[in-house]
Amino acid sequence: MKTVKVYGPGCKRCEATETLVRDTALKLGIEVDVEKVTDAKSIAMAGVMSTPGLSVDGKLVHAGGVPDAAKLEDWLSA
């Protein structure tokens, strides 16, 4: 199971990123545990300077905007 964190204040882009993660994982047949991190201090401590941010298994892989679906597939498959 992959652990995915979506960092952001809860804006539409953050919600779209969470939906994209869940849909992509379902498409790939990968179980994911998705956590939304909305606390500004926690977001900054994770190194996210622009939201939404995304980490997979503890590694920050994306920040700033909804991630590309193909890249997301690579991150989840790794």
PDB file of N, CA and C in Angstrom:
ATOM      1  N   MET A   1       0.841  -1.183   0.000  1.00  0.00           N
ATOM      2  CA  MET A   1       0.000   0.000   0.000  1.00  0.00           C
ATOM      3  C   MET A   1       0.886   1.246   0.000  1.00  0.00           C
ATOM      4  N   LYS A   2       0.534   2.173  -0.853  1.00  0.00           N
ATOM      5  CA  LYS A   2       1.248   3.442  -0.940  1.00  0.00           C
ATOM      6  C   LYS A   2       0.613   4.444   0.022  1.00  0.00           C
ATOM      7  N   THR A   3       1.447   5.241   0.655  1.00  0.00           N
ATOM      8  CA  THR A   3       0.978   6.327   1.509  1.00  0.00           C
ATOM      9  C   THR A   3       1.174   7.624   0.744  1.00  0.00           C
ATOM     10  N   VAL A   4       0.078   8.334   0.508  1.00  0.00           N
ATOM     11  CA  VAL A   4       0.120   9.573  -0.269  1.00  0.00           C
ATOM     12  C   VAL A   4      -0.419  10.705   0.603  1.00  0.00           C
ATOM     13  N   LYS A   5       0.313  11.819   0.615  1.00  0.00           N
ATOM     14  CA  LYS A   5      -0.149  13.010   1.328  1.00  0.00           C
ATOM     15  C   LYS A   5      -0.364  14.121   0.312  1.00  0.00           C
ATOM     16  N   VAL A   6      -1.528  14.756   0.425  1.00  0.00           N
ATOM     17  CA  VAL A   6      -1.846  15.909  -0.407  1.00  0.00           C
ATOM     18  C   VAL A   6      -1.767  17.129   0.505  1.00  0.00           C
ATOM     19  N   TYR A   7      -0.828  18.025   0.206  1.00  0.00           N
ATOM     20  CA  TYR A   7      -0.614  19.216   1.016  1.00  0.00           C
ATOM     21  C   TYR A   7      -1.312  20.412   0.388  1.00  0.00           C
ATOM     22  N   GLY A   8      -2.168  21.078   1.159  1.00  0.00           N
ATOM     23  CA  GLY A   8      -2.836  22.273   0.673  1.00  0.00           C
ATOM     24  C   GLY A   8      -3.944  22.694   1.604  1.00  0.00           C
ATOM     25  N   PRO A   9      -4.423  23.921   1.441  1.00  0.00           N
ATOM     26  CA  PRO A   9      -5.425  24.468   2.347  1.00  0.00           C
ATOM     27  C   PRO A   9      -6.844  23.953   2.118  1.00  0.00           C
ATOM     28  N   GLY A  10      -7.046  23.142   1.093  1.00  0.00           N
ATOM     29  CA  GLY A  10      -8.391  22.633   0.812  1.00  0.00           C
ATOM     30  C   GLY A  10      -9.043  23.321  -0.374  1.00  0.00           C
ATOM     31  N   CYS A  11      -8.235  23.924  -1.219  1.00  0.00           N
ATOM     32  CA  CYS A  11      -8.755  24.623  -2.400  1.00  0.00           C
ATOM     33  C   CYS A  11      -9.213  23.611  -3.459  1.00  0.00           C
ATOM     34  N   LYS A  12      -9.787  24.110  -4.530  1.00  0.00           N
ATOM     35  CA  LYS A  12     -10.278  23.236  -5.602  1.00  0.00           C
ATOM     36  C   LYS A  12      -9.153  22.428  -6.236  1.00  0.00           C
ATOM     37  N   ARG A  13      -7.971  23.026  -6.406  1.00  0.00           N
ATOM     38  CA  ARG A  13      -6.840  22.286  -6.975  1.00  0.00           C
ATOM     39  C   ARG A  13      -6.408  21.159  -6.047  1.00  0.00           C
ATOM     40  N   CYS A  14      -6.460  21.406  -4.750  1.00  0.00           N
ATOM     41  CA  CYS A  14      -6.090  20.372  -3.774  1.00  0.00           C
ATOM     42  C   CYS A  14      -7.090  19.214  -3.827  1.00  0.00           C
ATOM     43  N   GLU A  15      -8.363  19.545  -3.919  1.00  0.00           N
ATOM     44  CA  GLU A  15      -9.394  18.511  -4.018  1.00  0.00           C
ATOM     45  C   GLU A  15      -9.272  17.747  -5.333  1.00  0.00           C
ATOM     46  N   ALA A  16      -8.950  18.460  -6.420  1.00  0.00           N
ATOM     47  CA  ALA A  16      -8.773  17.800  -7.718  1.00  0.00           C
ATOM     48  C   ALA A  16      -7.575  16.855  -7.675  1.00  0.00           C
ATOM     49  N   THR A  17      -6.523  17.251  -6.970  1.00  0.00           N
ATOM     50  CA  THR A  17      -5.339  16.401  -6.842  1.00  0.00           C
ATOM     51  C   THR A  17      -5.681  15.134  -6.069  1.00  0.00           C
ATOM     52  N   GLU A  18      -6.423  15.269  -4.985  1.00  0.00           N
ATOM     53  CA  GLU A  18      -6.824  14.095  -4.207  1.00  0.00           C
ATOM     54  C   GLU A  18      -7.668  13.141  -5.059  1.00  0.00           C
ATOM     55  N   THR A  19      -8.614  13.686  -5.811  1.00  0.00           N
ATOM     56  CA  THR A  19      -9.460  12.865  -6.679  1.00  0.00           C
ATOM     57  C   THR A  19      -8.614  12.165  -7.741  1.00  0.00           C
ATOM     58  N   LEU A  20      -7.664  12.892  -8.325  1.00  0.00           N
ATOM     59  CA  LEU A  20      -6.787  12.318  -9.345  1.00  0.00           C
ATOM     60  C   LEU A  20      -5.962  11.166  -8.768  1.00  0.00           C
ATOM     61  N   VAL A  21      -5.461  11.339  -7.545  1.00  0.00           N
ATOM     62  CA  VAL A  21      -4.677  10.275  -6.899  1.00  0.00           C
ATOM     63  C   VAL A  21      -5.542   9.036  -6.716  1.00  0.00           C
ATOM     64  N   ARG A  22      -6.742   9.215  -6.187  1.00  0.00           N
ATOM     65  CA  ARG A  22      -7.625   8.068  -5.945  1.00  0.00           C
ATOM     66  C   ARG A  22      -8.019   7.381  -7.256  1.00  0.00           C
ATOM     67  N   ASP A  23      -8.364   8.164  -8.268  1.00  0.00           N
ATOM     68  CA  ASP A  23      -8.767   7.602  -9.565  1.00  0.00           C
ATOM     69  C   ASP A  23      -7.611   6.869 -10.240  1.00  0.00           C
ATOM     70  N   THR A  24      -6.417   7.443 -10.176  1.00  0.00           N
ATOM     71  CA  THR A  24      -5.247   6.826 -10.800  1.00  0.00           C
ATOM     72  C   THR A  24      -4.885   5.520 -10.098  1.00  0.00           C
ATOM     73  N   ALA A  25      -4.934   5.529  -8.776  1.00  0.00           N
ATOM     74  CA  ALA A  25      -4.636   4.310  -8.014  1.00  0.00           C
ATOM     75  C   ALA A  25      -5.636   3.209  -8.342  1.00  0.00           C
ATOM     76  N   LEU A  26      -6.897   3.571  -8.465  1.00  0.00           N
ATOM     77  CA  LEU A  26      -7.937   2.604  -8.811  1.00  0.00           C
ATOM     78  C   LEU A  26      -7.672   2.028 -10.205  1.00  0.00           C
ATOM     79  N   LYS A  27      -7.318   2.897 -11.144  1.00  0.00           N
ATOM     80  CA  LYS A  27      -7.017   2.479 -12.515  1.00  0.00           C
ATOM     81  C   LYS A  27      -5.841   1.499 -12.554  1.00  0.00           C
ATOM     82  N   LEU A  28      -4.827   1.762 -11.707  1.00  0.00           N
ATOM     83  CA  LEU A  28      -3.631   0.922 -11.681  1.00  0.00           C
ATOM     84  C   LEU A  28      -3.778  -0.301 -10.781  1.00  0.00           C
ATOM     85  N   GLY A  29      -4.852  -0.341  -9.998  1.00  0.00           N
ATOM     86  CA  GLY A  29      -5.057  -1.457  -9.079  1.00  0.00           C
ATOM     87  C   GLY A  29      -4.130  -1.400  -7.877  1.00  0.00           C
ATOM     88  N   ILE A  30      -3.764  -0.186  -7.463  1.00  0.00           N
ATOM     89  CA  ILE A  30      -2.853   0.020  -6.343  1.00  0.00           C
ATOM     90  C   ILE A  30      -3.647   0.561  -5.154  1.00  0.00           C
ATOM     91  N   GLU A  31      -3.427  -0.036  -3.988  1.00  0.00           N
ATOM     92  CA  GLU A  31      -4.070   0.471  -2.782  1.00  0.00           C
ATOM     93  C   GLU A  31      -3.303   1.693  -2.295  1.00  0.00           C
ATOM     94  N   VAL A  32      -4.041   2.749  -1.962  1.00  0.00           N
ATOM     95  CA  VAL A  32      -3.418   3.965  -1.437  1.00  0.00           C
ATOM     96  C   VAL A  32      -4.123   4.419  -0.174  1.00  0.00           C
ATOM     97  N   ASP A  33      -3.320   4.966   0.713  1.00  0.00           N
ATOM     98  CA  ASP A  33      -3.829   5.623   1.909  1.00  0.00           C
ATOM     99  C   ASP A  33      -3.576   7.106   1.680  1.00  0.00           C
ATOM    100  N   VAL A  34      -4.641   7.874   1.424  1.00  0.00           N
ATOM    101  CA  VAL A  34      -4.500   9.296   1.105  1.00  0.00           C
ATOM    102  C   VAL A  34      -4.802  10.132   2.343  1.00  0.00           C
ATOM    103  N   GLU A  35      -3.860  10.989   2.692  1.00  0.00           N
ATOM    104  CA  GLU A  35      -4.025  11.894   3.823  1.00  0.00           C
ATOM    105  C   GLU A  35      -3.972  13.321   3.306  1.00  0.00           C
ATOM    106  N   LYS A  36      -4.929  14.138   3.750  1.00  0.00           N
ATOM    107  CA  LYS A  36      -4.920  15.549   3.392  1.00  0.00           C
ATOM    108  C   LYS A  36      -4.275  16.316   4.527  1.00  0.00           C
ATOM    109  N   VAL A  37      -3.260  17.118   4.204  1.00  0.00           N
ATOM    110  CA  VAL A  37      -2.568  17.933   5.192  1.00  0.00           C
ATOM    111  C   VAL A  37      -2.916  19.389   4.905  1.00  0.00           C
ATOM    112  N   THR A  38      -3.658  20.012   5.828  1.00  0.00           N
ATOM    113  CA  THR A  38      -4.135  21.382   5.601  1.00  0.00           C
ATOM    114  C   THR A  38      -3.494  22.411   6.524  1.00  0.00           C
ATOM    115  N   ASP A  39      -2.761  21.967   7.525  1.00  0.00           N
ATOM    116  CA  ASP A  39      -2.116  22.862   8.473  1.00  0.00           C
ATOM    117  C   ASP A  39      -0.918  23.555   7.812  1.00  0.00           C
ATOM    118  N   ALA A  40      -0.924  24.884   7.831  1.00  0.00           N
ATOM    119  CA  ALA A  40       0.115  25.661   7.141  1.00  0.00           C
ATOM    120  C   ALA A  40       1.515  25.329   7.644  1.00  0.00           C
ATOM    121  N   LYS A  41       1.670  25.135   8.942  1.00  0.00           N
ATOM    122  CA  LYS A  41       2.983  24.820   9.498  1.00  0.00           C
ATOM    123  C   LYS A  41       3.465  23.455   8.994  1.00  0.00           C
ATOM    124  N   SER A  42       2.582  22.474   8.968  1.00  0.00           N
ATOM    125  CA  SER A  42       2.943  21.135   8.490  1.00  0.00           C
ATOM    126  C   SER A  42       3.289  21.156   7.006  1.00  0.00           C
ATOM    127  N   ILE A  43       2.564  21.972   6.241  1.00  0.00           N
ATOM    128  CA  ILE A  43       2.833  22.104   4.808  1.00  0.00           C
ATOM    129  C   ILE A  43       4.233  22.684   4.599  1.00  0.00           C
ATOM    130  N   ALA A  44       4.557  23.742   5.337  1.00  0.00           N
ATOM    131  CA  ALA A  44       5.872  24.373   5.219  1.00  0.00           C
ATOM    132  C   ALA A  44       6.986  23.435   5.674  1.00  0.00           C
ATOM    133  N   MET A  45       6.751  22.691   6.748  1.00  0.00           N
ATOM    134  CA  MET A  45       7.771  21.770   7.262  1.00  0.00           C
ATOM    135  C   MET A  45       8.048  20.636   6.274  1.00  0.00           C
ATOM    136  N   ALA A  46       7.066  20.327   5.432  1.00  0.00           N
ATOM    137  CA  ALA A  46       7.257  19.286   4.417  1.00  0.00           C
ATOM    138  C   ALA A  46       8.037  19.810   3.216  1.00  0.00           C
ATOM    139  N   GLY A  47       8.291  21.120   3.180  1.00  0.00           N
ATOM    140  CA  GLY A  47       9.042  21.707   2.079  1.00  0.00           C
ATOM    141  C   GLY A  47       8.186  22.157   0.917  1.00  0.00           C
ATOM    142  N   VAL A  48       6.871  22.208   1.117  1.00  0.00           N
ATOM    143  CA  VAL A  48       5.955  22.618   0.053  1.00  0.00           C
ATOM    144  C   VAL A  48       5.843  24.141   0.070  1.00  0.00           C
ATOM    145  N   MET A  49       6.330  24.772  -0.986  1.00  0.00           N
ATOM    146  CA  MET A  49       6.282  26.223  -1.078  1.00  0.00           C
ATOM    147  C   MET A  49       5.095  26.709  -1.912  1.00  0.00           C
ATOM    148  N   SER A  50       4.537  25.810  -2.721  1.00  0.00           N
ATOM    149  CA  SER A  50       3.388  26.135  -3.552  1.00  0.00           C
ATOM    150  C   SER A  50       2.451  24.936  -3.543  1.00  0.00           C
ATOM    151  N   THR A  51       1.181  25.187  -3.277  1.00  0.00           N
ATOM    152  CA  THR A  51       0.226  24.082  -3.160  1.00  0.00           C
ATOM    153  C   THR A  51      -0.570  23.924  -4.447  1.00  0.00           C
ATOM    154  N   PRO A  52      -1.126  22.742  -4.675  1.00  0.00           N
ATOM    155  CA  PRO A  52      -1.008  21.574  -3.827  1.00  0.00           C
ATOM    156  C   PRO A  52       0.346  20.890  -3.967  1.00  0.00           C
ATOM    157  N   GLY A  53       0.737  20.257  -2.878  1.00  0.00           N
ATOM    158  CA  GLY A  53       1.943  19.447  -2.874  1.00  0.00           C
ATOM    159  C   GLY A  53       1.548  17.993  -2.747  1.00  0.00           C
ATOM    160  N   LEU A  54       2.442  17.105  -3.127  1.00  0.00           N
ATOM    161  CA  LEU A  54       2.129  15.685  -3.112  1.00  0.00           C
ATOM    162  C   LEU A  54       3.363  14.896  -2.704  1.00  0.00           C
ATOM    163  N   SER A  55       3.191  14.018  -1.716  1.00  0.00           N
ATOM    164  CA  SER A  55       4.280  13.110  -1.370  1.00  0.00           C
ATOM    165  C   SER A  55       3.777  11.680  -1.491  1.00  0.00           C
ATOM    166  N   VAL A  56       4.682  10.803  -1.913  1.00  0.00           N
ATOM    167  CA  VAL A  56       4.373   9.381  -2.041  1.00  0.00           C
ATOM    168  C   VAL A  56       5.389   8.634  -1.186  1.00  0.00           C
ATOM    169  N   ASP A  57       4.885   7.892  -0.217  1.00  0.00           N
ATOM    170  CA  ASP A  57       5.733   7.133   0.703  1.00  0.00           C
ATOM    171  C   ASP A  57       6.818   8.006   1.327  1.00  0.00           C
ATOM    172  N   GLY A  58       6.434   9.208   1.746  1.00  0.00           N
ATOM    173  CA  GLY A  58       7.335  10.098   2.464  1.00  0.00           C
ATOM    174  C   GLY A  58       8.243  10.951   1.609  1.00  0.00           C
ATOM    175  N   LYS A  59       8.193  10.804   0.292  1.00  0.00           N
ATOM    176  CA  LYS A  59       9.044  11.589  -0.603  1.00  0.00           C
ATOM    177  C   LYS A  59       8.206  12.630  -1.332  1.00  0.00           C
ATOM    178  N   LEU A  60       8.575  13.900  -1.186  1.00  0.00           N
ATOM    179  CA  LEU A  60       7.881  14.974  -1.887  1.00  0.00           C
ATOM    180  C   LEU A  60       8.174  14.856  -3.376  1.00  0.00           C
ATOM    181  N   VAL A  61       7.121  14.654  -4.170  1.00  0.00           N
ATOM    182  CA  VAL A  61       7.311  14.438  -5.606  1.00  0.00           C
ATOM    183  C   VAL A  61       6.763  15.580  -6.461  1.00  0.00           C
ATOM    184  N   HIS A  62       5.933  16.452  -5.856  1.00  0.00           N
ATOM    185  CA  HIS A  62       5.300  17.502  -6.661  1.00  0.00           C
ATOM    186  C   HIS A  62       4.858  18.649  -5.767  1.00  0.00           C
ATOM    187  N   ALA A  63       4.931  19.856  -6.303  1.00  0.00           N
ATOM    188  CA  ALA A  63       4.385  21.032  -5.619  1.00  0.00           C
ATOM    189  C   ALA A  63       3.973  22.061  -6.661  1.00  0.00           C
ATOM    190  N   GLY A  64       2.818  22.670  -6.439  1.00  0.00           N
ATOM    191  CA  GLY A  64       2.364  23.753  -7.304  1.00  0.00           C
ATOM    192  C   GLY A  64       1.524  23.298  -8.471  1.00  0.00           C
ATOM    193  N   GLY A  65       0.222  23.207  -8.270  1.00  0.00           N
ATOM    194  CA  GLY A  65      -0.685  22.827  -9.344  1.00  0.00           C
ATOM    195  C   GLY A  65      -1.027  21.352  -9.321  1.00  0.00           C
ATOM    196  N   VAL A  66      -2.034  21.009 -10.088  1.00  0.00           N
ATOM    197  CA  VAL A  66      -2.465  19.619 -10.187  1.00  0.00           C
ATOM    198  C   VAL A  66      -1.408  18.856 -10.983  1.00  0.00           C
ATOM    199  N   PRO A  67      -0.931  17.727 -10.459  1.00  0.00           N
ATOM    200  CA  PRO A  67       0.133  16.992 -11.163  1.00  0.00           C
ATOM    201  C   PRO A  67      -0.349  16.365 -12.460  1.00  0.00           C
ATOM    202  N   ASP A  68       0.594  16.128 -13.356  1.00  0.00           N
ATOM    203  CA  ASP A  68       0.334  15.461 -14.622  1.00  0.00           C
ATOM    204  C   ASP A  68      -0.046  14.000 -14.345  1.00  0.00           C
ATOM    205  N   ALA A  69      -1.090  13.513 -14.986  1.00  0.00           N
ATOM    206  CA  ALA A  69      -1.596  12.156 -14.740  1.00  0.00           C
ATOM    207  C   ALA A  69      -0.550  11.088 -15.048  1.00  0.00           C
ATOM    208  N   ALA A  70       0.224  11.263 -16.115  1.00  0.00           N
ATOM    209  CA  ALA A  70       1.241  10.274 -16.482  1.00  0.00           C
ATOM    210  C   ALA A  70       2.346  10.214 -15.426  1.00  0.00           C
ATOM    211  N   LYS A  71       2.755  11.363 -14.924  1.00  0.00           N
ATOM    212  CA  LYS A  71       3.776  11.391 -13.875  1.00  0.00           C
ATOM    213  C   LYS A  71       3.235  10.752 -12.598  1.00  0.00           C
ATOM    214  N   LEU A  72       1.976  11.023 -12.292  1.00  0.00           N
ATOM    215  CA  LEU A  72       1.360  10.445 -11.107  1.00  0.00           C
ATOM    216  C   LEU A  72       1.352   8.923 -11.203  1.00  0.00           C
ATOM    217  N   GLU A  73       1.068   8.388 -12.381  1.00  0.00           N
ATOM    218  CA  GLU A  73       1.108   6.939 -12.575  1.00  0.00           C
ATOM    219  C   GLU A  73       2.500   6.389 -12.287  1.00  0.00           C
ATOM    220  N   ASP A  74       3.523   7.108 -12.746  1.00  0.00           N
ATOM    221  CA  ASP A  74       4.911   6.685 -12.484  1.00  0.00           C
ATOM    222  C   ASP A  74       5.208   6.699 -11.000  1.00  0.00           C
ATOM    223  N   TRP A  75       4.812   7.764 -10.302  1.00  0.00           N
ATOM    224  CA  TRP A  75       5.087   7.879  -8.866  1.00  0.00           C
ATOM    225  C   TRP A  75       4.388   6.768  -8.082  1.00  0.00           C
ATOM    226  N   LEU A  76       3.173   6.463  -8.449  1.00  0.00           N
ATOM    227  CA  LEU A  76       2.423   5.436  -7.724  1.00  0.00           C
ATOM    228  C   LEU A  76       2.920   4.036  -8.056  1.00  0.00           C
ATOM    229  N   SER A  77       3.444   3.855  -9.249  1.00  0.00           N
ATOM    230  CA  SER A  77       3.910   2.534  -9.676  1.00  0.00           C
ATOM    231  C   SER A  77       5.306   2.203  -9.158  1.00  0.00           C
ATOM    232  N   ALA A  78       6.062   3.228  -8.789  1.00  0.00           N
ATOM    233  CA  ALA A  78       7.464   3.027  -8.350  1.00  0.00           C
ATOM    234  C   ALA A  78       7.536   2.276  -7.033  1.00  0.00           C
TER     235      ALA A  78
END
